PDB file of N, CA and C in Angstrom:
ATOM      1  N   MET A   1      65.881  39.475 128.135  1.00  0.00           N
ATOM      2  CA  MET A   1      67.080  38.712 127.094  1.00  0.00           C
ATOM      3  C   MET A   1      68.000  39.916 127.059  1.00  0.00           C
ATOM      4  N   PRO A   2      69.450  39.785 127.578  1.00  0.00           N
ATOM      5  CA  PRO A   2      70.535  40.212 127.833  1.00  0.00           C
ATOM      6  C   PRO A   2      70.688  40.975 126.227  1.00  0.00           C
ATOM      7  N   ILE A   3      70.966  42.126 125.797  1.00  0.00           N
ATOM      8  CA  ILE A   3      71.893  41.855 124.406  1.00  0.00           C
ATOM      9  C   ILE A   3      72.986  42.366 124.715  1.00  0.00           C
ATOM     10  N   ILE A   4      73.681  41.868 124.026  1.00  0.00           N
ATOM     11  CA  ILE A   4      75.834  41.833 124.265  1.00  0.00           C
ATOM     12  C   ILE A   4      76.149  42.681 122.877  1.00  0.00           C
ATOM     13  N   LEU A   5      77.526  43.087 123.093  1.00  0.00           N
ATOM     14  CA  LEU A   5      78.537  44.524 122.629  1.00  0.00           C
ATOM     15  C   LEU A   5      79.237  44.157 122.881  1.00  0.00           C
ATOM     16  N   GLY A   6      80.095  43.312 121.724  1.00  0.00           N
ATOM     17  CA  GLY A   6      81.262  42.989 121.725  1.00  0.00           C
ATOM     18  C   GLY A   6      82.319  44.126 120.840  1.00  0.00           C
ATOM     19  N   ILE A   7      83.380  44.231 121.155  1.00  0.00           N
ATOM     20  CA  ILE A   7      84.244  45.449 120.938  1.00  0.00           C
ATOM     21  C   ILE A   7      85.570  44.618 120.507  1.00  0.00           C
ATOM     22  N   ASP A   8      86.098  44.944 119.275  1.00  0.00           N
ATOM     23  CA  ASP A   8      87.317  44.771 118.822  1.00  0.00           C
ATOM     24  C   ASP A   8      88.413  45.972 118.307  1.00  0.00           C
ATOM     25  N   PRO A   9      88.975  46.395 119.407  1.00  0.00           N
ATOM     26  CA  PRO A   9      89.593  47.740 119.338  1.00  0.00           C
ATOM     27  C   PRO A   9      90.414  47.910 118.413  1.00  0.00           C
ATOM     28  N   GLY A  10      90.781  49.131 117.436  1.00  0.00           N
ATOM     29  CA  GLY A  10      91.875  49.190 116.862  1.00  0.00           C
ATOM     30  C   GLY A  10      92.191  50.575 116.620  1.00  0.00           C
ATOM     31  N   SER A  11      93.568  51.138 116.077  1.00  0.00           N
ATOM     32  CA  SER A  11      93.262  52.773 115.976  1.00  0.00           C
ATOM     33  C   SER A  11      92.921  53.083 114.306  1.00  0.00           C
ATOM     34  N   ARG A  12      93.004  51.967 113.780  1.00  0.00           N
ATOM     35  CA  ARG A  12      92.543  51.890 112.554  1.00  0.00           C
ATOM     36  C   ARG A  12      91.287  51.462 112.208  1.00  0.00           C
ATOM     37  N   ILE A  13      90.783  50.828 112.219  1.00  0.00           N
ATOM     38  CA  ILE A  13      89.663  49.815 112.018  1.00  0.00           C
ATOM     39  C   ILE A  13      88.982  49.270 113.572  1.00  0.00           C
ATOM     40  N   THR A  14      88.008  49.668 113.880  1.00  0.00           N
ATOM     41  CA  THR A  14      87.113  49.062 115.240  1.00  0.00           C
ATOM     42  C   THR A  14      86.295  48.237 114.788  1.00  0.00           C
ATOM     43  N   GLY A  15      86.466  46.831 115.266  1.00  0.00           N
ATOM     44  CA  GLY A  15      84.936  45.927 115.009  1.00  0.00           C
ATOM     45  C   GLY A  15      84.140  46.019 116.171  1.00  0.00           C
ATOM     46  N   PHE A  16      83.001  45.762 115.767  1.00  0.00           N
ATOM     47  CA  PHE A  16      81.934  45.648 116.574  1.00  0.00           C
ATOM     48  C   PHE A  16      80.757  44.370 116.392  1.00  0.00           C
ATOM     49  N   GLY A  17      79.963  43.906 117.117  1.00  0.00           N
ATOM     50  CA  GLY A  17      79.127  43.135 117.049  1.00  0.00           C
ATOM     51  C   GLY A  17      78.112  42.661 117.844  1.00  0.00           C
ATOM     52  N   VAL A  18      77.116  42.589 118.041  1.00  0.00           N
ATOM     53  CA  VAL A  18      75.742  43.074 119.265  1.00  0.00           C
ATOM     54  C   VAL A  18      74.856  41.521 118.736  1.00  0.00           C
ATOM     55  N   ILE A  19      74.836  40.761 120.048  1.00  0.00           N
ATOM     56  CA  ILE A  19      73.607  39.834 119.497  1.00  0.00           C
ATOM     57  C   ILE A  19      73.013  39.798 120.954  1.00  0.00           C
ATOM     58  N   ASP A  20      71.796  38.949 120.685  1.00  0.00           N
ATOM     59  CA  ASP A  20      70.745  38.655 121.604  1.00  0.00           C
ATOM     60  C   ASP A  20      70.959  37.476 122.034  1.00  0.00           C
ATOM     61  N   SER A  21      70.462  37.403 123.528  1.00  0.00           N
ATOM     62  CA  SER A  21      70.632  35.902 124.096  1.00  0.00           C
ATOM     63  C   SER A  21      69.666  35.636 125.561  1.00  0.00           C
ATOM     64  N   ASP A  22      69.632  34.801 125.161  1.00  0.00           N
ATOM     65  CA  ASP A  22      68.522  34.388 126.191  1.00  0.00           C
ATOM     66  C   ASP A  22      69.235  33.560 127.669  1.00  0.00           C
ATOM     67  N   GLY A  23      70.560  32.532 127.133  1.00  0.00           N
ATOM     68  CA  GLY A  23      70.967  31.692 128.153  1.00  0.00           C
ATOM     69  C   GLY A  23      71.790  30.862 127.171  1.00  0.00           C
ATOM     70  N   THR A  24      70.291  30.157 126.705  1.00  0.00           N
ATOM     71  CA  THR A  24      71.193  28.698 126.095  1.00  0.00           C
ATOM     72  C   THR A  24      71.186  29.486 124.345  1.00  0.00           C
ATOM     73  N   ARG A  25      70.096  30.293 123.798  1.00  0.00           N
ATOM     74  CA  ARG A  25      70.076  30.573 122.311  1.00  0.00           C
ATOM     75  C   ARG A  25      70.305  32.003 122.185  1.00  0.00           C
ATOM     76  N   HIS A  26      71.290  32.080 121.207  1.00  0.00           N
ATOM     77  CA  HIS A  26      71.795  33.696 120.809  1.00  0.00           C
ATOM     78  C   HIS A  26      71.558  34.105 119.328  1.00  0.00           C
ATOM     79  N   ARG A  27      70.971  35.270 118.986  1.00  0.00           N
ATOM     80  CA  ARG A  27      70.423  35.583 118.204  1.00  0.00           C
ATOM     81  C   ARG A  27      71.561  37.110 117.465  1.00  0.00           C
ATOM     82  N   TYR A  28      71.969  36.722 116.059  1.00  0.00           N
ATOM     83  CA  TYR A  28      72.792  37.831 115.930  1.00  0.00           C
ATOM     84  C   TYR A  28      71.744  39.041 115.620  1.00  0.00           C
ATOM     85  N   ILE A  29      72.420  40.291 115.791  1.00  0.00           N
ATOM     86  CA  ILE A  29      71.516  41.382 115.695  1.00  0.00           C
ATOM     87  C   ILE A  29      72.486  42.521 114.689  1.00  0.00           C
ATOM     88  N   ALA A  30      73.422  42.934 114.778  1.00  0.00           N
ATOM     89  CA  ALA A  30      74.334  43.607 113.724  1.00  0.00           C
ATOM     90  C   ALA A  30      75.694  43.306 114.161  1.00  0.00           C
ATOM     91  N   SER A  31      76.428  43.170 113.149  1.00  0.00           N
ATOM     92  CA  SER A  31      78.114  43.763 113.259  1.00  0.00           C
ATOM     93  C   SER A  31      78.404  44.667 112.124  1.00  0.00           C
ATOM     94  N   GLY A  32      79.817  45.201 112.117  1.00  0.00           N
ATOM     95  CA  GLY A  32      80.121  46.421 111.546  1.00  0.00           C
ATOM     96  C   GLY A  32      81.907  46.692 111.793  1.00  0.00           C
ATOM     97  N   CYS A  33      82.370  47.673 110.877  1.00  0.00           N
ATOM     98  CA  CYS A  33      83.645  48.004 111.433  1.00  0.00           C
ATOM     99  C   CYS A  33      83.663  49.571 111.199  1.00  0.00           C
ATOM    100  N   ILE A  34      84.074  50.404 111.781  1.00  0.00           N
ATOM    101  CA  ILE A  34      84.455  51.718 111.897  1.00  0.00           C
ATOM    102  C   ILE A  34      85.868  51.656 111.178  1.00  0.00           C
ATOM    103  N   LYS A  35      86.029  52.919 110.502  1.00  0.00           N
ATOM    104  CA  LYS A  35      87.101  52.602 109.507  1.00  0.00           C
ATOM    105  C   LYS A  35      87.960  54.018 109.618  1.00  0.00           C
ATOM    106  N   MET A  36      89.171  54.143 110.048  1.00  0.00           N
ATOM    107  CA  MET A  36      89.268  56.138 110.287  1.00  0.00           C
ATOM    108  C   MET A  36      90.674  56.280 109.999  1.00  0.00           C
ATOM    109  N   ALA A  37      91.427  55.013 108.980  1.00  0.00           N
ATOM    110  CA  ALA A  37      92.553  55.060 108.339  1.00  0.00           C
ATOM    111  C   ALA A  37      93.225  56.214 107.694  1.00  0.00           C
ATOM    112  N   LYS A  38      92.115  57.339 107.279  1.00  0.00           N
ATOM    113  CA  LYS A  38      92.141  58.708 106.753  1.00  0.00           C
ATOM    114  C   LYS A  38      92.921  59.770 107.654  1.00  0.00           C
ATOM    115  N   LEU A  39      92.630  59.426 108.893  1.00  0.00           N
ATOM    116  CA  LEU A  39      93.071  60.394 110.196  1.00  0.00           C
ATOM    117  C   LEU A  39      94.471  60.279 110.582  1.00  0.00           C
ATOM    118  N   SER A  40      94.980  61.008 111.037  1.00  0.00           N
ATOM    119  CA  SER A  40      95.922  61.050 111.874  1.00  0.00           C
ATOM    120  C   SER A  40      95.819  60.398 113.373  1.00  0.00           C
ATOM    121  N   LEU A  41      96.760  59.764 113.572  1.00  0.00           N
ATOM    122  CA  LEU A  41      96.859  59.065 114.765  1.00  0.00           C
ATOM    123  C   LEU A  41      96.312  59.940 115.880  1.00  0.00           C
ATOM    124  N   PRO A  42      96.295  61.009 116.491  1.00  0.00           N
ATOM    125  CA  PRO A  42      95.506  61.629 117.499  1.00  0.00           C
ATOM    126  C   PRO A  42      94.308  62.103 117.236  1.00  0.00           C
ATOM    127  N   GLU A  43      94.210  61.823 115.607  1.00  0.00           N
ATOM    128  CA  GLU A  43      92.308  62.349 115.285  1.00  0.00           C
ATOM    129  C   GLU A  43      91.807  60.754 115.495  1.00  0.00           C
ATOM    130  N   ARG A  44      92.433  59.774 115.345  1.00  0.00           N
ATOM    131  CA  ARG A  44      91.718  58.576 115.658  1.00  0.00           C
ATOM    132  C   ARG A  44      91.377  58.780 116.696  1.00  0.00           C
ATOM    133  N   LEU A  45      92.655  58.375 117.510  1.00  0.00           N
ATOM    134  CA  LEU A  45      92.482  58.712 119.428  1.00  0.00           C
ATOM    135  C   LEU A  45      91.252  59.043 119.719  1.00  0.00           C
ATOM    136  N   HIS A  46      90.813  60.479 119.584  1.00  0.00           N
ATOM    137  CA  HIS A  46      90.626  61.460 119.882  1.00  0.00           C
ATOM    138  C   HIS A  46      89.015  61.025 119.387  1.00  0.00           C
ATOM    139  N   ARG A  47      88.907  60.625 118.614  1.00  0.00           N
ATOM    140  CA  ARG A  47      87.112  60.173 117.851  1.00  0.00           C
ATOM    141  C   ARG A  47      86.873  58.789 118.733  1.00  0.00           C
ATOM    142  N   ILE A  48      88.247  57.735 119.022  1.00  0.00           N
ATOM    143  CA  ILE A  48      87.984  56.862 119.664  1.00  0.00           C
ATOM    144  C   ILE A  48      87.523  56.888 121.468  1.00  0.00           C
ATOM    145  N   TYR A  49      88.142  58.071 121.997  1.00  0.00           N
ATOM    146  CA  TYR A  49      87.953  58.605 123.500  1.00  0.00           C
ATOM    147  C   TYR A  49      86.238  59.342 123.318  1.00  0.00           C
ATOM    148  N   ALA A  50      86.156  60.155 122.113  1.00  0.00           N
ATOM    149  CA  ALA A  50      84.831  60.644 122.733  1.00  0.00           C
ATOM    150  C   ALA A  50      83.474  60.012 121.981  1.00  0.00           C
ATOM    151  N   GLY A  51      83.897  58.728 121.225  1.00  0.00           N
ATOM    152  CA  GLY A  51      82.383  57.790 121.360  1.00  0.00           C
ATOM    153  C   GLY A  51      81.994  58.601 119.650  1.00  0.00           C
TER     154      GLY A  51
END
């Protein structure tokens, strides 16, 4: 079963969701957000780029 990662990119808040799928059924694994609003724009972009 493939595991699928969905990403909602953003410079202040980046959201993600992970599901498991067998083609006909989907199972929730995890979701959340990464908040970086307190950093400067160059620092946020660097963190997104660096992973």
